[in-house]
Amino acid sequence: MTLFRSRRAAITVAAATTVLALIAGIGFERFQREREWAHGGDRLTVDAEVALATAKDFDEVAVRLGAPPGEAVPTIEADQTVVVRVRWSGLPKGGYLHVIALDKRVTPPALLDPDGGWNSEGGTGYGWSSYLPLAEHYDWLRGVAKAEDPGAVDAPGTATGTVTAWFHRHGEGGIPFRDPASEILVAMFSEDEDSEVRSARRVSG
């Protein structure tokens, strides 16, 4: 074999090795992400409380579930508000956590509209732009909202924390909730510092 052919053979082998390494890396990364989708929230210790409030006793209920007196201010005065407190510990990294609440009485479950919140770091707002990735990986989130019309209450992804959030049914009217434990689903999902959604977990209902 000539020197030229030897070099060409070495280059071919090196290129093939690089391609195989890239394919193996992509496959391993995909495996890791699928594992994270399925088990990303397993290390978290989470508990949730859900209560119903009227316009008259909203302040009392919000304070009982962790909001400082005078800080829980609904932007919409609804006949009935769903107040949720979620406490967690064991979050392995930073980023953000988001809390959602859904009406289980309909199929598919309907997202409740977020109205505000308070977390252990201070006041918080709401918003959600990560519905589609979640819906692709969790059957219980599939079909619950339009991609352009989602909502969640935000909290910083501290190792340990608490968030109190309040929601109401979309639109006017409808049958009031009577048993939040059986009628309302509460879930939280995590995003990393680059706002890429990582995993979701049901915490109540």
C-alpha atoms as a PDB file:
ATOM      1  CA  MET A   1       0.000   0.000   0.000  1.00  0.00           C
ATOM      2  CA  THR A   2       1.372   3.437  -0.915  1.00  0.00           C
ATOM      3  CA  LEU A   3       1.792   6.248   1.594  1.00  0.00           C
ATOM      4  CA  PHE A   4      -1.038   8.172  -0.091  1.00  0.00           C
ATOM      5  CA  ARG A   5      -3.426   5.231   0.253  1.00  0.00           C
ATOM      6  CA  SER A   6      -2.408   4.722   3.879  1.00  0.00           C
ATOM      7  CA  ARG A   7      -3.151   8.348   4.702  1.00  0.00           C
ATOM      8  CA  ARG A   8      -6.489   8.200   2.877  1.00  0.00           C
ATOM      9  CA  ALA A   9      -7.444   5.038   4.750  1.00  0.00           C
ATOM     10  CA  ALA A  10      -6.489   6.648   8.077  1.00  0.00           C
ATOM     11  CA  ILE A  11      -8.566   9.739   7.259  1.00  0.00           C
ATOM     12  CA  THR A  12     -11.544   7.560   6.306  1.00  0.00           C
ATOM     13  CA  VAL A  13     -11.314   5.592   9.542  1.00  0.00           C
ATOM     14  CA  ALA A  14     -11.005   8.792  11.593  1.00  0.00           C
ATOM     15  CA  ALA A  15     -14.015  10.333   9.856  1.00  0.00           C
ATOM     16  CA  ALA A  16     -16.093   7.190  10.388  1.00  0.00           C
ATOM     17  CA  THR A  17     -15.072   7.114  14.060  1.00  0.00           C
ATOM     18  CA  THR A  18     -16.119  10.759  14.472  1.00  0.00           C
ATOM     19  CA  VAL A  19     -19.506  10.123  12.873  1.00  0.00           C
ATOM     20  CA  LEU A  20     -20.124   7.083  15.059  1.00  0.00           C
ATOM     21  CA  ALA A  21     -19.156   9.066  18.149  1.00  0.00           C
ATOM     22  CA  LEU A  22     -21.581  11.832  17.202  1.00  0.00           C
ATOM     23  CA  ILE A  23     -24.388   9.340  16.626  1.00  0.00           C
ATOM     24  CA  ALA A  24     -23.655   7.643  19.939  1.00  0.00           C
ATOM     25  CA  GLY A  25     -23.607  11.025  21.702  1.00  0.00           C
ATOM     26  CA  ILE A  26     -26.925  12.069  20.199  1.00  0.00           C
ATOM     27  CA  GLY A  27     -28.467   8.736  21.147  1.00  0.00           C
ATOM     28  CA  PHE A  28     -27.207   8.982  24.731  1.00  0.00           C
ATOM     29  CA  GLU A  29     -28.455  12.570  25.066  1.00  0.00           C
ATOM     30  CA  ARG A  30     -31.869  11.549  23.750  1.00  0.00           C
ATOM     31  CA  PHE A  31     -31.959   8.655  26.210  1.00  0.00           C
ATOM     32  CA  GLN A  32     -31.064  11.012  29.062  1.00  0.00           C
ATOM     33  CA  ARG A  33     -33.800  13.504  28.087  1.00  0.00           C
ATOM     34  CA  GLU A  34     -36.430  10.771  27.866  1.00  0.00           C
ATOM     35  CA  ARG A  35     -35.377   9.589  31.302  1.00  0.00           C
ATOM     36  CA  GLU A  36     -35.618  13.149  32.603  1.00  0.00           C
ATOM     37  CA  TRP A  37     -39.110  13.583  31.131  1.00  0.00           C
ATOM     38  CA  ALA A  38     -40.211  10.439  32.936  1.00  0.00           C
ATOM     39  CA  HIS A  39     -38.345  10.873  36.223  1.00  0.00           C
ATOM     40  CA  GLY A  40     -37.267  14.517  36.386  1.00  0.00           C
ATOM     41  CA  GLY A  41     -39.487  15.265  39.385  1.00  0.00           C
ATOM     42  CA  ASP A  42     -38.862  12.044  41.288  1.00  0.00           C
ATOM     43  CA  ARG A  43     -36.226  13.570  43.558  1.00  0.00           C
ATOM     44  CA  LEU A  44     -38.533  16.357  44.679  1.00  0.00           C
ATOM     45  CA  THR A  45     -40.481  16.113  47.909  1.00  0.00           C
ATOM     46  CA  VAL A  46     -43.709  17.999  47.229  1.00  0.00           C
ATOM     47  CA  ASP A  47     -46.975  18.564  49.020  1.00  0.00           C
ATOM     48  CA  ALA A  48     -49.952  20.677  47.998  1.00  0.00           C
ATOM     49  CA  GLU A  49     -53.010  22.180  49.656  1.00  0.00           C
ATOM     50  CA  VAL A  50     -56.050  23.324  47.699  1.00  0.00           C
ATOM     51  CA  ALA A  51     -58.856  25.505  49.072  1.00  0.00           C
ATOM     52  CA  LEU A  52     -61.856  27.364  47.691  1.00  0.00           C
ATOM     53  CA  ALA A  53     -62.446  31.040  48.433  1.00  0.00           C
ATOM     54  CA  THR A  54     -65.252  33.484  47.774  1.00  0.00           C
ATOM     55  CA  ALA A  55     -64.816  37.184  47.131  1.00  0.00           C
ATOM     56  CA  LYS A  56     -65.541  37.812  50.824  1.00  0.00           C
ATOM     57  CA  ASP A  57     -63.080  35.364  52.396  1.00  0.00           C
ATOM     58  CA  PHE A  58     -60.321  35.356  49.768  1.00  0.00           C
ATOM     59  CA  ASP A  59     -57.847  37.279  51.977  1.00  0.00           C
ATOM     60  CA  GLU A  60     -58.396  34.897  54.878  1.00  0.00           C
ATOM     61  CA  VAL A  61     -57.921  31.791  52.731  1.00  0.00           C
ATOM     62  CA  ALA A  62     -54.836  33.185  50.964  1.00  0.00           C
ATOM     63  CA  VAL A  63     -53.161  34.040  54.294  1.00  0.00           C
ATOM     64  CA  ARG A  64     -54.002  30.607  55.684  1.00  0.00           C
ATOM     65  CA  LEU A  65     -52.235  29.072  52.682  1.00  0.00           C
ATOM     66  CA  GLY A  66     -49.086  31.142  53.056  1.00  0.00           C
ATOM     67  CA  ALA A  67     -49.520  34.592  51.511  1.00  0.00           C
ATOM     68  CA  PRO A  68     -48.545  37.508  53.786  1.00  0.00           C
ATOM     69  CA  PRO A  69     -51.494  39.624  54.995  1.00  0.00           C
ATOM     70  CA  GLY A  70     -52.436  42.248  52.439  1.00  0.00           C
ATOM     71  CA  GLU A  71     -50.193  40.855  49.700  1.00  0.00           C
ATOM     72  CA  ALA A  72     -52.665  38.525  47.956  1.00  0.00           C
ATOM     73  CA  VAL A  73     -54.573  40.815  45.630  1.00  0.00           C
ATOM     74  CA  PRO A  74     -56.696  39.191  42.900  1.00  0.00           C
ATOM     75  CA  THR A  75     -56.864  41.110  39.640  1.00  0.00           C
ATOM     76  CA  ILE A  76     -60.324  39.655  38.930  1.00  0.00           C
ATOM     77  CA  GLU A  77     -63.036  39.553  41.573  1.00  0.00           C
ATOM     78  CA  ALA A  78     -64.431  36.098  40.900  1.00  0.00           C
ATOM     79  CA  ASP A  79     -67.328  34.460  42.726  1.00  0.00           C
ATOM     80  CA  GLN A  80     -65.028  31.542  43.465  1.00  0.00           C
ATOM     81  CA  THR A  81     -61.233  31.407  43.525  1.00  0.00           C
ATOM     82  CA  VAL A  82     -59.053  28.314  43.785  1.00  0.00           C
ATOM     83  CA  VAL A  83     -56.133  28.943  46.150  1.00  0.00           C
ATOM     84  CA  VAL A  84     -53.200  26.532  46.049  1.00  0.00           C
ATOM     85  CA  ARG A  85     -50.085  26.227  48.194  1.00  0.00           C
ATOM     86  CA  VAL A  86     -47.236  24.025  46.952  1.00  0.00           C
ATOM     87  CA  ARG A  87     -44.177  23.320  49.098  1.00  0.00           C
ATOM     88  CA  TRP A  88     -41.123  21.516  47.772  1.00  0.00           C
ATOM     89  CA  SER A  89     -37.612  20.462  48.733  1.00  0.00           C
ATOM     90  CA  GLY A  90     -34.814  18.587  47.036  1.00  0.00           C
ATOM     91  CA  LEU A  91     -34.709  20.487  43.746  1.00  0.00           C
ATOM     92  CA  PRO A  92     -31.296  19.528  42.299  1.00  0.00           C
ATOM     93  CA  LYS A  93     -30.727  22.683  40.250  1.00  0.00           C
ATOM     94  CA  GLY A  94     -31.986  26.219  39.692  1.00  0.00           C
ATOM     95  CA  GLY A  95     -34.178  27.613  36.965  1.00  0.00           C
ATOM     96  CA  TYR A  96     -37.894  28.105  37.535  1.00  0.00           C
ATOM     97  CA  LEU A  97     -40.922  26.195  38.745  1.00  0.00           C
ATOM     98  CA  HIS A  98     -44.460  26.787  37.496  1.00  0.00           C
ATOM     99  CA  VAL A  99     -47.739  25.753  39.085  1.00  0.00           C
ATOM    100  CA  ILE A 100     -50.889  24.974  37.096  1.00  0.00           C
ATOM    101  CA  ALA A 101     -54.395  23.972  38.161  1.00  0.00           C
ATOM    102  CA  LEU A 102     -56.952  22.124  36.037  1.00  0.00           C
ATOM    103  CA  ASP A 103     -60.651  21.349  36.252  1.00  0.00           C
ATOM    104  CA  LYS A 104     -60.920  17.538  36.236  1.00  0.00           C
ATOM    105  CA  ARG A 105     -64.704  17.567  35.863  1.00  0.00           C
ATOM    106  CA  VAL A 106     -64.395  17.927  32.093  1.00  0.00           C
ATOM    107  CA  THR A 107     -62.529  15.861  29.506  1.00  0.00           C
ATOM    108  CA  PRO A 108     -59.839  16.804  28.694  1.00  0.00           C
ATOM    109  CA  PRO A 109     -59.206  18.729  31.943  1.00  0.00           C
ATOM    110  CA  ALA A 110     -59.469  22.503  31.490  1.00  0.00           C
ATOM    111  CA  LEU A 111     -56.718  24.842  32.631  1.00  0.00           C
ATOM    112  CA  LEU A 112     -57.823  27.353  35.235  1.00  0.00           C
ATOM    113  CA  ASP A 113     -56.784  30.945  34.625  1.00  0.00           C
ATOM    114  CA  PRO A 114     -53.927  32.080  36.904  1.00  0.00           C
ATOM    115  CA  ASP A 115     -54.544  35.375  38.689  1.00  0.00           C
ATOM    116  CA  GLY A 116     -51.493  35.880  40.874  1.00  0.00           C
ATOM    117  CA  GLY A 117     -49.202  34.374  43.445  1.00  0.00           C
ATOM    118  CA  TRP A 118     -46.712  34.708  46.262  1.00  0.00           C
ATOM    119  CA  ASN A 119     -43.615  32.608  46.759  1.00  0.00           C
ATOM    120  CA  SER A 120     -40.955  32.301  49.425  1.00  0.00           C
ATOM    121  CA  GLU A 121     -38.812  34.814  47.513  1.00  0.00           C
ATOM    122  CA  GLY A 122     -41.590  37.442  47.304  1.00  0.00           C
ATOM    123  CA  GLY A 123     -44.412  38.316  44.934  1.00  0.00           C
ATOM    124  CA  THR A 124     -44.672  36.485  41.646  1.00  0.00           C
ATOM    125  CA  GLY A 125     -46.490  36.768  38.366  1.00  0.00           C
ATOM    126  CA  TYR A 126     -47.772  34.272  35.865  1.00  0.00           C
ATOM    127  CA  GLY A 127     -47.284  33.131  32.294  1.00  0.00           C
ATOM    128  CA  TRP A 128     -46.580  29.929  30.403  1.00  0.00           C
ATOM    129  CA  SER A 129     -45.151  29.335  26.950  1.00  0.00           C
ATOM    130  CA  SER A 130     -44.060  25.701  27.283  1.00  0.00           C
ATOM    131  CA  TYR A 131     -47.293  23.775  26.788  1.00  0.00           C
ATOM    132  CA  LEU A 132     -46.351  21.885  23.624  1.00  0.00           C
ATOM    133  CA  PRO A 133     -43.218  20.121  24.937  1.00  0.00           C
ATOM    134  CA  LEU A 134     -45.134  19.010  28.024  1.00  0.00           C
ATOM    135  CA  ALA A 135     -48.140  17.824  26.065  1.00  0.00           C
ATOM    136  CA  GLU A 136     -45.900  15.618  23.943  1.00  0.00           C
ATOM    137  CA  HIS A 137     -44.629  13.723  26.991  1.00  0.00           C
ATOM    138  CA  TYR A 138     -47.511  13.593  29.485  1.00  0.00           C
ATOM    139  CA  ASP A 139     -50.839  12.076  28.569  1.00  0.00           C
ATOM    140  CA  TRP A 140     -52.614  13.896  31.402  1.00  0.00           C
ATOM    141  CA  LEU A 141     -51.613  17.254  29.851  1.00  0.00           C
ATOM    142  CA  ARG A 142     -52.486  16.376  26.271  1.00  0.00           C
ATOM    143  CA  GLY A 143     -55.285  18.497  24.899  1.00  0.00           C
ATOM    144  CA  VAL A 144     -55.865  20.568  28.037  1.00  0.00           C
ATOM    145  CA  ALA A 145     -55.099  23.939  26.462  1.00  0.00           C
ATOM    146  CA  LYS A 146     -54.400  25.698  23.238  1.00  0.00           C
ATOM    147  CA  ALA A 147     -50.713  26.278  22.674  1.00  0.00           C
ATOM    148  CA  GLU A 148     -51.234  30.057  22.466  1.00  0.00           C
ATOM    149  CA  ASP A 149     -53.403  30.317  25.581  1.00  0.00           C
ATOM    150  CA  PRO A 150     -51.713  28.655  28.560  1.00  0.00           C
ATOM    151  CA  GLY A 151     -51.174  29.984  32.071  1.00  0.00           C
ATOM    152  CA  ALA A 152     -49.147  29.153  35.201  1.00  0.00           C
ATOM    153  CA  VAL A 153     -47.908  30.857  38.359  1.00  0.00           C
ATOM    154  CA  ASP A 154     -44.119  31.184  38.513  1.00  0.00           C
ATOM    155  CA  ALA A 155     -41.598  30.589  41.297  1.00  0.00           C
ATOM    156  CA  PRO A 156     -37.791  30.579  41.365  1.00  0.00           C
ATOM    157  CA  GLY A 157     -36.301  27.094  41.334  1.00  0.00           C
ATOM    158  CA  THR A 158     -34.722  27.216  44.780  1.00  0.00           C
ATOM    159  CA  ALA A 159     -33.709  23.972  46.490  1.00  0.00           C
ATOM    160  CA  THR A 160     -36.532  24.449  49.005  1.00  0.00           C
ATOM    161  CA  GLY A 161     -39.481  26.770  48.643  1.00  0.00           C
ATOM    162  CA  THR A 162     -43.168  27.552  48.788  1.00  0.00           C
ATOM    163  CA  VAL A 163     -45.566  29.169  46.354  1.00  0.00           C
ATOM    164  CA  THR A 164     -49.152  30.255  46.970  1.00  0.00           C
ATOM    165  CA  ALA A 165     -51.159  30.714  43.790  1.00  0.00           C
ATOM    166  CA  TRP A 166     -54.750  31.602  42.994  1.00  0.00           C
ATOM    167  CA  PHE A 167     -56.796  30.682  39.949  1.00  0.00           C
ATOM    168  CA  HIS A 168     -60.347  31.006  38.660  1.00  0.00           C
ATOM    169  CA  ARG A 169     -62.452  29.283  36.031  1.00  0.00           C
ATOM    170  CA  HIS A 170     -62.206  30.722  32.544  1.00  0.00           C
ATOM    171  CA  GLY A 171     -65.116  32.974  31.596  1.00  0.00           C
ATOM    172  CA  GLU A 172     -68.309  33.661  33.494  1.00  0.00           C
ATOM    173  CA  GLY A 173     -70.744  31.218  35.031  1.00  0.00           C
ATOM    174  CA  GLY A 174     -70.232  27.480  35.249  1.00  0.00           C
ATOM    175  CA  ILE A 175     -70.832  25.074  38.104  1.00  0.00           C
ATOM    176  CA  PRO A 176     -68.811  26.003  41.236  1.00  0.00           C
ATOM    177  CA  PHE A 177     -66.296  23.552  42.636  1.00  0.00           C
ATOM    178  CA  ARG A 178     -67.437  21.652  45.707  1.00  0.00           C
ATOM    179  CA  ASP A 179     -64.634  19.173  46.437  1.00  0.00           C
ATOM    180  CA  PRO A 180     -61.204  20.519  45.403  1.00  0.00           C
ATOM    181  CA  ALA A 181     -59.422  17.289  46.366  1.00  0.00           C
ATOM    182  CA  SER A 182     -61.301  15.294  43.730  1.00  0.00           C
ATOM    183  CA  GLU A 183     -62.232  17.976  41.195  1.00  0.00           C
ATOM    184  CA  ILE A 184     -58.983  19.930  40.793  1.00  0.00           C
ATOM    185  CA  LEU A 185     -55.630  18.691  39.500  1.00  0.00           C
ATOM    186  CA  VAL A 186     -52.536  20.623  40.593  1.00  0.00           C
ATOM    187  CA  ALA A 187     -49.206  20.120  38.839  1.00  0.00           C
ATOM    188  CA  MET A 188     -45.845  21.798  38.629  1.00  0.00           C
ATOM    189  CA  PHE A 189     -43.216  21.795  35.914  1.00  0.00           C
ATOM    190  CA  SER A 190     -39.629  22.979  35.825  1.00  0.00           C
ATOM    191  CA  GLU A 191     -37.615  25.092  33.403  1.00  0.00           C
ATOM    192  CA  ASP A 192     -33.874  25.600  33.335  1.00  0.00           C
ATOM    193  CA  GLU A 193     -32.092  28.965  33.252  1.00  0.00           C
ATOM    194  CA  ASP A 194     -32.526  29.072  29.464  1.00  0.00           C
ATOM    195  CA  SER A 195     -36.327  28.674  29.798  1.00  0.00           C
ATOM    196  CA  GLU A 196     -36.242  25.152  28.377  1.00  0.00           C
ATOM    197  CA  VAL A 197     -38.916  23.021  29.979  1.00  0.00           C
ATOM    198  CA  ARG A 198     -37.433  19.933  31.660  1.00  0.00           C
ATOM    199  CA  SER A 199     -40.179  17.877  33.327  1.00  0.00           C
ATOM    200  CA  ALA A 200     -43.621  17.989  34.957  1.00  0.00           C
ATOM    201  CA  ARG A 201     -45.230  16.336  37.947  1.00  0.00           C
ATOM    202  CA  ARG A 202     -48.744  16.002  39.333  1.00  0.00           C
ATOM    203  CA  VAL A 203     -48.796  17.041  42.982  1.00  0.00           C
ATOM    204  CA  SER A 204     -52.534  16.881  43.811  1.00  0.00           C
ATOM    205  CA  GLY A 205     -55.661  15.441  42.247  1.00  0.00           C
END
